[in-house]
Amino acid sequence: MKNRKWILFFAALALIAWSAALMDKLKTHPRLGKPGINAEPIRGSLAMKIDLPERVLDFTSTNVPEPELVLDYLPQDTSYAERIYESADGFCVQATLVLMGADRTSIHNADYCLRGQGFNPDEKNVANILVGGAQPYQLPVSEWKVSGTFQRPGGGTVKATGVYVFWFVADGDETPDHFEMMKKLAMHLLKTGEMERWAYVSYFSSCAPGQEDAAFGRMKQLIAASVPDFQPPPASR
């Protein structure tokens, strides 16, 4: 079993290195696939206009402008959207869309993103969310229970817990797993010469310790109702 884990680890490293080298070779003049989310072209740019719905169920929302850190860190052809949703009783969810252009480094491993914000994944699960609309379907997502210890402004520390839900979607395809997304991207590029344009969709909500399942239940309702506004169902469904 131990040897098998090492074999899988080195196979993953080899695949990532190979796909990165292949995409680096082709990214100067890439042939990009269609996005798997609704997006409008921006003249003179590979970046596209993407949006999250303003109102969903009983949630109102606030648009969050693209942070300066994102502008400085992500490739210039990255498309980005973020909203904070809040229900009447104060339950809040942060939703984010990141759409890659010709540079696949727009899409990051969720572990790195979370740890960079001070959170650690305590429990990782895969769940299916029934998405409504004209074509209802089961959307596979990663559902992680996370926690972190943060400094209080006045001194001392506080432990924060929450639920992080995410998935990756391209034209006619989706996966809740970053490594699987990288594999799909590389294989599609090798077979067709076209780089799939993947998007990274995430929802985060903080909650009291022990309330993660209840928070996820409410997040599922928001996700199921909001996804049809920006993500068409896969063509095969």
Protein backbone atom coordinates (compact mmCIF):
# COMPACT_ATOMS: atom_id res chain seq x y z
CA MET A 1 0.00 0.00 0.00
CA LYS A 2 2.84 2.36 0.89
CA ASN A 3 4.61 1.70 -2.43
CA ARG A 4 1.34 2.30 -4.30
CA LYS A 5 0.97 5.72 -2.67
CA TRP A 6 4.48 6.69 -3.77
CA ILE A 7 3.81 5.46 -7.31
CA LEU A 8 0.62 7.55 -7.48
CA PHE A 9 2.45 10.55 -6.06
CA PHE A 10 5.24 10.44 -8.64
CA ALA A 11 2.75 9.72 -11.44
CA ALA A 12 0.84 12.84 -10.44
CA LEU A 13 4.04 14.92 -10.45
CA ALA A 14 4.99 13.55 -13.86
CA LEU A 15 1.56 14.32 -15.32
CA ILE A 16 1.57 17.86 -13.95
CA ALA A 17 5.11 18.51 -15.25
CA TRP A 18 4.25 17.05 -18.67
CA SER A 19 0.99 18.99 -19.01
CA ALA A 20 2.67 22.20 -17.86
CA ALA A 21 5.47 21.79 -20.42
CA LEU A 22 3.00 21.00 -23.19
CA MET A 23 0.78 23.97 -22.38
CA ASP A 24 3.78 26.29 -22.05
CA LYS A 25 4.87 25.25 -25.53
CA LEU A 26 1.44 25.95 -27.01
CA LYS A 27 0.24 28.94 -24.99
CA THR A 28 1.84 31.53 -27.31
CA HIS A 29 -0.83 30.83 -29.93
CA PRO A 30 -3.42 28.70 -28.13
CA ARG A 31 -6.65 27.49 -29.62
CA LEU A 32 -9.03 27.96 -26.73
CA GLY A 33 -12.21 26.00 -26.15
CA LYS A 34 -15.52 27.53 -25.12
CA PRO A 35 -16.03 28.33 -21.44
CA GLY A 36 -18.28 26.05 -19.41
CA ILE A 37 -19.91 29.10 -17.81
CA ASN A 38 -21.77 32.03 -19.35
CA ALA A 39 -19.21 34.59 -20.49
CA GLU A 40 -19.14 37.57 -22.83
CA PRO A 41 -16.06 38.46 -24.91
CA ILE A 42 -14.20 41.68 -24.12
CA ARG A 43 -12.85 43.36 -27.24
CA GLY A 44 -9.07 43.25 -27.41
CA SER A 45 -8.68 40.85 -24.49
CA LEU A 46 -8.72 37.12 -23.78
CA ALA A 47 -10.39 37.93 -20.46
CA MET A 48 -14.18 37.73 -20.53
CA LYS A 49 -17.06 39.33 -18.64
CA ILE A 50 -18.55 36.85 -16.17
CA ASP A 51 -21.24 37.41 -13.55
CA LEU A 52 -22.88 35.76 -10.58
CA PRO A 53 -26.64 36.31 -10.07
CA GLU A 54 -27.57 39.31 -7.92
CA ARG A 55 -30.55 37.75 -6.12
CA VAL A 56 -31.04 34.06 -5.31
CA LEU A 57 -33.92 32.70 -3.23
CA ASP A 58 -34.10 34.94 -0.14
CA PHE A 59 -30.46 36.00 -0.50
CA THR A 60 -29.44 39.50 -1.47
CA SER A 61 -25.86 40.08 -2.58
CA THR A 62 -23.03 42.58 -2.76
CA ASN A 63 -20.69 42.63 -5.74
CA VAL A 64 -17.01 42.45 -4.74
CA PRO A 65 -14.62 44.20 -7.16
CA GLU A 66 -11.61 42.21 -8.30
CA PRO A 67 -9.09 42.48 -5.44
CA GLU A 68 -5.76 44.19 -6.15
CA LEU A 69 -4.01 40.99 -5.07
CA VAL A 70 -5.87 39.02 -7.75
CA LEU A 71 -5.05 41.63 -10.42
CA ASP A 72 -1.37 41.45 -9.51
CA TYR A 73 -1.10 37.69 -9.01
CA LEU A 74 -3.24 36.02 -11.67
CA PRO A 75 -2.47 36.06 -15.43
CA GLN A 76 -3.92 39.07 -17.25
CA ASP A 77 -6.29 36.91 -19.30
CA THR A 78 -8.01 35.61 -16.14
CA SER A 79 -11.72 36.44 -15.75
CA TYR A 80 -13.01 36.93 -12.21
CA ALA A 81 -16.30 37.51 -10.40
CA GLU A 82 -17.18 37.52 -6.69
CA ARG A 83 -20.32 38.16 -4.64
CA ILE A 84 -21.22 38.00 -0.96
CA TYR A 85 -24.70 36.54 -0.43
CA GLU A 86 -26.65 37.23 2.75
CA SER A 87 -30.00 35.85 3.85
CA ALA A 88 -32.55 37.68 5.99
CA ASP A 89 -31.25 35.98 9.15
CA GLY A 90 -27.63 36.99 8.48
CA PHE A 91 -26.29 33.74 7.00
CA CYS A 92 -23.49 34.74 4.58
CA VAL A 93 -21.83 32.92 1.68
CA GLN A 94 -18.93 34.13 -0.44
CA ALA A 95 -19.14 32.94 -4.06
CA THR A 96 -16.28 33.23 -6.56
CA LEU A 97 -15.81 32.46 -10.26
CA VAL A 98 -12.35 32.24 -11.82
CA LEU A 99 -12.15 31.56 -15.57
CA MET A 100 -8.78 30.78 -17.17
CA GLY A 101 -7.58 32.13 -20.50
CA ALA A 102 -4.56 30.78 -22.36
CA ASP A 103 -2.60 30.36 -19.11
CA ARG A 104 -3.84 27.49 -16.97
CA THR A 105 -2.10 28.93 -13.87
CA SER A 106 -5.27 31.00 -13.34
CA ILE A 107 -6.69 27.83 -11.74
CA HIS A 108 -5.12 26.90 -8.41
CA ASN A 109 -5.21 23.89 -6.15
CA ALA A 110 -7.81 24.51 -3.44
CA ASP A 111 -5.37 23.40 -0.73
CA TYR A 112 -3.00 26.23 -1.65
CA CYS A 113 -5.78 28.82 -1.82
CA LEU A 114 -7.14 27.89 1.60
CA ARG A 115 -3.80 27.64 3.35
CA GLY A 116 -2.84 31.01 1.91
CA GLN A 117 -5.87 32.47 3.73
CA GLY A 118 -5.00 30.75 7.00
CA PHE A 119 -7.42 27.81 6.76
CA ASN A 120 -6.66 24.09 6.87
CA PRO A 121 -8.96 21.38 5.51
CA ASP A 122 -10.09 19.15 8.39
CA GLU A 123 -12.38 16.87 6.40
CA LYS A 124 -12.70 16.39 2.64
CA ASN A 125 -15.83 14.97 1.03
CA VAL A 126 -17.40 14.74 -2.42
CA ALA A 127 -21.13 15.41 -2.62
CA ASN A 128 -23.77 15.68 -5.35
CA ILE A 129 -26.02 18.73 -5.53
CA LEU A 130 -29.25 18.53 -7.52
CA VAL A 131 -29.20 21.59 -9.78
CA GLY A 132 -32.60 22.71 -11.01
CA GLY A 133 -33.58 24.57 -14.15
CA ALA A 134 -34.83 23.34 -17.51
CA GLN A 135 -32.44 20.36 -17.32
CA PRO A 136 -32.01 19.21 -13.70
CA TYR A 137 -28.82 17.25 -13.06
CA GLN A 138 -26.52 16.10 -10.28
CA LEU A 139 -23.46 18.34 -9.91
CA PRO A 140 -20.49 16.68 -8.16
CA VAL A 141 -18.70 19.08 -5.80
CA SER A 142 -15.93 18.97 -3.23
CA GLU A 143 -17.21 19.82 0.25
CA TRP A 144 -14.45 20.58 2.75
CA LYS A 145 -14.81 21.37 6.44
CA VAL A 146 -12.06 23.88 7.27
CA SER A 147 -10.67 25.70 10.28
CA GLY A 148 -7.95 28.16 11.17
CA THR A 149 -6.56 30.11 14.11
CA PHE A 150 -6.36 33.87 13.67
CA GLN A 151 -5.02 36.80 15.69
CA ARG A 152 -7.54 39.11 17.33
CA PRO A 153 -6.99 42.84 16.66
CA GLY A 154 -6.73 43.48 20.41
CA GLY A 155 -4.51 40.48 21.10
CA GLY A 156 -5.04 36.77 21.60
CA THR A 157 -6.33 34.28 19.03
CA VAL A 158 -9.66 32.93 17.83
CA LYS A 159 -10.50 29.71 16.00
CA ALA A 160 -12.66 30.07 12.91
CA THR A 161 -14.46 27.21 11.17
CA GLY A 162 -16.35 27.00 7.92
CA VAL A 163 -17.37 25.04 4.83
CA TYR A 164 -15.70 25.38 1.44
CA VAL A 165 -17.51 24.00 -1.62
CA PHE A 166 -15.94 24.01 -5.08
CA TRP A 167 -15.75 22.38 -8.50
CA PHE A 168 -14.18 22.88 -11.92
CA VAL A 169 -16.17 23.20 -15.14
CA ALA A 170 -15.34 23.35 -18.85
CA ASP A 171 -17.54 23.16 -21.95
CA GLY A 172 -19.58 19.97 -21.47
CA ASP A 173 -17.54 18.67 -18.54
CA GLU A 174 -17.00 19.16 -14.82
CA THR A 175 -15.10 17.59 -11.94
CA PRO A 176 -14.77 18.25 -8.19
CA ASP A 177 -11.07 17.29 -8.27
CA HIS A 178 -8.14 19.56 -9.25
CA PHE A 179 -5.89 16.70 -10.35
CA GLU A 180 -8.68 15.25 -12.50
CA MET A 181 -9.19 18.68 -14.08
CA MET A 182 -5.48 18.89 -14.92
CA LYS A 183 -5.57 15.40 -16.43
CA LYS A 184 -8.64 16.20 -18.54
CA LEU A 185 -7.10 19.46 -19.73
CA ALA A 186 -3.84 17.78 -20.74
CA MET A 187 -5.49 14.82 -22.50
CA HIS A 188 -7.91 17.05 -24.40
CA LEU A 189 -5.04 19.29 -25.52
CA LEU A 190 -3.02 16.30 -26.65
CA LYS A 191 -5.91 14.74 -28.60
CA THR A 192 -7.37 17.87 -30.20
CA GLY A 193 -4.81 20.67 -30.00
CA GLU A 194 -7.46 22.72 -28.20
CA MET A 195 -7.02 24.00 -24.66
CA GLU A 196 -10.19 23.59 -22.63
CA ARG A 197 -11.15 26.81 -20.88
CA TRP A 198 -11.79 25.68 -17.32
CA ALA A 199 -13.48 27.70 -14.59
CA TYR A 200 -13.02 27.29 -10.84
CA VAL A 201 -16.29 27.85 -8.95
CA SER A 202 -16.28 28.13 -5.16
CA TYR A 203 -18.62 28.96 -2.27
CA PHE A 204 -17.46 29.59 1.30
CA SER A 205 -19.37 30.13 4.53
CA SER A 206 -18.08 30.51 8.05
CA CYS A 207 -20.01 28.85 10.87
CA ALA A 208 -19.77 27.92 14.52
CA PRO A 209 -17.82 24.73 15.35
CA GLY A 210 -20.11 21.71 15.00
CA GLN A 211 -22.50 23.55 12.65
CA GLU A 212 -20.71 22.60 9.41
CA ASP A 213 -23.39 20.14 8.22
CA ALA A 214 -26.16 22.67 8.82
CA ALA A 215 -24.19 25.34 6.96
CA PHE A 216 -23.61 23.00 4.04
CA GLY A 217 -27.32 22.24 3.89
CA ARG A 218 -28.10 25.92 3.40
CA MET A 219 -25.23 26.35 0.96
CA LYS A 220 -26.60 23.50 -1.16
CA GLN A 221 -29.88 25.37 -1.55
CA LEU A 222 -28.07 28.54 -2.65
CA ILE A 223 -25.82 26.65 -5.06
CA ALA A 224 -28.66 24.64 -6.60
CA ALA A 225 -30.65 27.81 -7.25
CA SER A 226 -27.78 30.01 -8.45
CA VAL A 227 -25.83 27.65 -10.74
CA PRO A 228 -28.39 27.65 -13.62
CA ASP A 229 -27.87 31.43 -13.95
CA PHE A 230 -24.20 31.10 -14.91
CA GLN A 231 -23.44 27.44 -15.74
CA PRO A 232 -25.33 25.57 -18.48
CA PRO A 233 -25.83 21.83 -17.86
CA PRO A 234 -23.30 19.56 -19.61
CA ALA A 235 -24.37 18.81 -23.20
CA SER A 236 -24.41 15.07 -22.49
CA ARG A 237 -27.08 15.44 -19.77
